[in-house]
Amino acid sequence: MDFEIESDKRNNLLSRREIQFTLKYDGATPSRMQIIGKLCALLNVKEPMIVLDTLHSSFGKMEIHGTARAYDSEEVKVKTERPYLSARGMPKPKEEGAA
């Protein structure tokens, strides 16, 4: 996976960084968790602080254009981010006793 960060803007009012990126990959389309993991490594941010907003891919291209937001703290993220976006792409908790 090759990441190219197109813009990285600081939004002081909402205590976050707004990132636009292009991801080029080979083989299967990477999952949201793989993309978040790679972004965390590049931006030096912990996984719970990143929210992927949009991911757009074109038919026949091994390329994804996307936007993400990296928050300074968990409290600010909970205040400003919509809950379904925060939960999207995160692993579901395993239920105890499930067969």
C-alpha atoms as a PDB file:
ATOM      1  CA  MET A   1       0.000   0.000   0.000  1.00  0.00           C
ATOM      2  CA  ASP A   2       1.314   3.407  -0.969  1.00  0.00           C
ATOM      3  CA  PHE A   3      -0.161   6.393   0.833  1.00  0.00           C
ATOM      4  CA  GLU A   4       0.035   9.870  -0.596  1.00  0.00           C
ATOM      5  CA  ILE A   5      -1.273  12.602   1.695  1.00  0.00           C
ATOM      6  CA  GLU A   6      -2.695  15.329  -0.533  1.00  0.00           C
ATOM      7  CA  SER A   7      -3.599  17.807   2.200  1.00  0.00           C
ATOM      8  CA  ASP A   8      -3.169  17.939   5.949  1.00  0.00           C
ATOM      9  CA  LYS A   9      -4.961  20.920   7.468  1.00  0.00           C
ATOM     10  CA  ARG A  10      -5.109  21.832  11.135  1.00  0.00           C
ATOM     11  CA  ASN A  11      -8.544  22.854  12.485  1.00  0.00           C
ATOM     12  CA  ASN A  12      -7.841  24.488  15.848  1.00  0.00           C
ATOM     13  CA  LEU A  13     -11.487  25.279  16.518  1.00  0.00           C
ATOM     14  CA  LEU A  14     -12.398  21.567  16.581  1.00  0.00           C
ATOM     15  CA  SER A  15      -8.962  20.346  17.821  1.00  0.00           C
ATOM     16  CA  ARG A  16      -8.333  18.053  14.890  1.00  0.00           C
ATOM     17  CA  ARG A  17      -6.360  17.508  11.695  1.00  0.00           C
ATOM     18  CA  GLU A  18      -8.275  17.047   8.443  1.00  0.00           C
ATOM     19  CA  ILE A  19      -6.479  14.764   6.016  1.00  0.00           C
ATOM     20  CA  GLN A  20      -7.144  13.994   2.349  1.00  0.00           C
ATOM     21  CA  PHE A  21      -5.226  11.058   0.928  1.00  0.00           C
ATOM     22  CA  THR A  22      -4.796   8.718  -2.013  1.00  0.00           C
ATOM     23  CA  LEU A  23      -4.060   5.059  -1.419  1.00  0.00           C
ATOM     24  CA  LYS A  24      -2.661   2.799  -4.138  1.00  0.00           C
ATOM     25  CA  TYR A  25      -2.746  -0.941  -3.499  1.00  0.00           C
ATOM     26  CA  ASP A  26      -2.220  -4.309  -5.162  1.00  0.00           C
ATOM     27  CA  GLY A  27      -4.533  -7.279  -4.788  1.00  0.00           C
ATOM     28  CA  ALA A  28      -7.635  -7.117  -2.629  1.00  0.00           C
ATOM     29  CA  THR A  29      -9.105  -3.826  -1.464  1.00  0.00           C
ATOM     30  CA  PRO A  30      -7.756  -3.006   2.009  1.00  0.00           C
ATOM     31  CA  SER A  31     -10.225  -2.966   4.902  1.00  0.00           C
ATOM     32  CA  ARG A  32     -11.038   0.164   6.887  1.00  0.00           C
ATOM     33  CA  MET A  33      -8.995  -1.192   9.815  1.00  0.00           C
ATOM     34  CA  GLN A  34      -5.939  -1.659   7.581  1.00  0.00           C
ATOM     35  CA  ILE A  35      -6.299   1.890   6.274  1.00  0.00           C
ATOM     36  CA  ILE A  36      -6.675   3.277   9.812  1.00  0.00           C
ATOM     37  CA  GLY A  37      -3.607   1.312  10.934  1.00  0.00           C
ATOM     38  CA  LYS A  38      -1.507   2.692   8.097  1.00  0.00           C
ATOM     39  CA  LEU A  39      -2.712   6.255   8.741  1.00  0.00           C
ATOM     40  CA  CYS A  40      -1.877   5.917  12.444  1.00  0.00           C
ATOM     41  CA  ALA A  41       1.640   4.833  11.594  1.00  0.00           C
ATOM     42  CA  LEU A  42       2.137   7.713   9.143  1.00  0.00           C
ATOM     43  CA  LEU A  43       0.625  10.421  11.362  1.00  0.00           C
ATOM     44  CA  ASN A  44       1.942   9.045  14.679  1.00  0.00           C
ATOM     45  CA  VAL A  45      -1.568   8.983  16.216  1.00  0.00           C
ATOM     46  CA  LYS A  46      -3.368   6.274  18.204  1.00  0.00           C
ATOM     47  CA  GLU A  47      -6.120   4.287  16.456  1.00  0.00           C
ATOM     48  CA  PRO A  48      -9.096   5.531  18.542  1.00  0.00           C
ATOM     49  CA  MET A  49      -8.268   9.134  17.549  1.00  0.00           C
ATOM     50  CA  ILE A  50      -8.731   8.544  13.776  1.00  0.00           C
ATOM     51  CA  VAL A  51     -12.091   8.658  11.982  1.00  0.00           C
ATOM     52  CA  LEU A  52     -12.344   7.707   8.308  1.00  0.00           C
ATOM     53  CA  ASP A  53     -14.999   9.834   6.666  1.00  0.00           C
ATOM     54  CA  THR A  54     -15.180   8.916   2.991  1.00  0.00           C
ATOM     55  CA  LEU A  55     -13.494   6.363   0.765  1.00  0.00           C
ATOM     56  CA  HIS A  56     -14.004   6.532  -3.007  1.00  0.00           C
ATOM     57  CA  SER A  57     -12.689   4.013  -5.504  1.00  0.00           C
ATOM     58  CA  SER A  58     -13.100   3.835  -9.259  1.00  0.00           C
ATOM     59  CA  PHE A  59     -13.888   0.703 -11.222  1.00  0.00           C
ATOM     60  CA  GLY A  60     -10.767  -0.905 -12.622  1.00  0.00           C
ATOM     61  CA  LYS A  61      -8.306   1.222 -10.652  1.00  0.00           C
ATOM     62  CA  MET A  62      -6.311   0.020  -7.682  1.00  0.00           C
ATOM     63  CA  GLU A  63      -6.684   3.409  -6.018  1.00  0.00           C
ATOM     64  CA  ILE A  64      -8.784   4.891  -3.211  1.00  0.00           C
ATOM     65  CA  HIS A  65      -9.317   8.591  -2.511  1.00  0.00           C
ATOM     66  CA  GLY A  66     -10.403   9.337   1.027  1.00  0.00           C
ATOM     67  CA  THR A  67     -10.720  11.794   3.871  1.00  0.00           C
ATOM     68  CA  ALA A  68      -9.979  11.263   7.538  1.00  0.00           C
ATOM     69  CA  ARG A  69      -9.869  13.262  10.735  1.00  0.00           C
ATOM     70  CA  ALA A  70      -7.322  12.878  13.548  1.00  0.00           C
ATOM     71  CA  TYR A  71      -8.446  14.270  16.912  1.00  0.00           C
ATOM     72  CA  ASP A  72      -6.278  15.505  19.776  1.00  0.00           C
ATOM     73  CA  SER A  73      -8.304  13.742  22.500  1.00  0.00           C
ATOM     74  CA  GLU A  74     -11.071  11.197  22.893  1.00  0.00           C
ATOM     75  CA  GLU A  75     -13.356  13.749  24.617  1.00  0.00           C
ATOM     76  CA  VAL A  76     -13.237  16.150  21.672  1.00  0.00           C
ATOM     77  CA  LYS A  77     -13.895  13.295  19.260  1.00  0.00           C
ATOM     78  CA  VAL A  78     -16.994  12.162  21.184  1.00  0.00           C
ATOM     79  CA  LYS A  79     -18.335  15.734  21.307  1.00  0.00           C
ATOM     80  CA  THR A  80     -17.990  16.512  17.606  1.00  0.00           C
ATOM     81  CA  GLU A  81     -18.063  13.229  15.692  1.00  0.00           C
ATOM     82  CA  ARG A  82     -21.212  11.368  14.706  1.00  0.00           C
ATOM     83  CA  PRO A  83     -21.396   8.033  16.566  1.00  0.00           C
ATOM     84  CA  TYR A  84     -21.935   5.877  13.484  1.00  0.00           C
ATOM     85  CA  LEU A  85     -18.755   7.204  11.861  1.00  0.00           C
ATOM     86  CA  SER A  86     -16.733   6.485  14.986  1.00  0.00           C
ATOM     87  CA  ALA A  87     -18.041   2.907  15.127  1.00  0.00           C
ATOM     88  CA  ARG A  88     -17.674   2.197  11.394  1.00  0.00           C
ATOM     89  CA  GLY A  89     -14.741  -0.027  10.611  1.00  0.00           C
ATOM     90  CA  MET A  90     -13.937  -0.858  14.221  1.00  0.00           C
ATOM     91  CA  PRO A  91     -13.936  -4.544  15.173  1.00  0.00           C
ATOM     92  CA  LYS A  92     -17.175  -5.702  16.741  1.00  0.00           C
ATOM     93  CA  PRO A  93     -16.886  -6.906  20.351  1.00  0.00           C
ATOM     94  CA  LYS A  94     -17.086 -10.670  20.626  1.00  0.00           C
ATOM     95  CA  GLU A  95     -20.007 -11.958  22.629  1.00  0.00           C
ATOM     96  CA  GLU A  96     -19.230 -14.361  25.432  1.00  0.00           C
ATOM     97  CA  GLY A  97     -20.831 -17.750  25.171  1.00  0.00           C
ATOM     98  CA  ALA A  98     -21.447 -17.509  21.427  1.00  0.00           C
ATOM     99  CA  ALA A  99     -21.033 -20.875  19.734  1.00  0.00           C
END
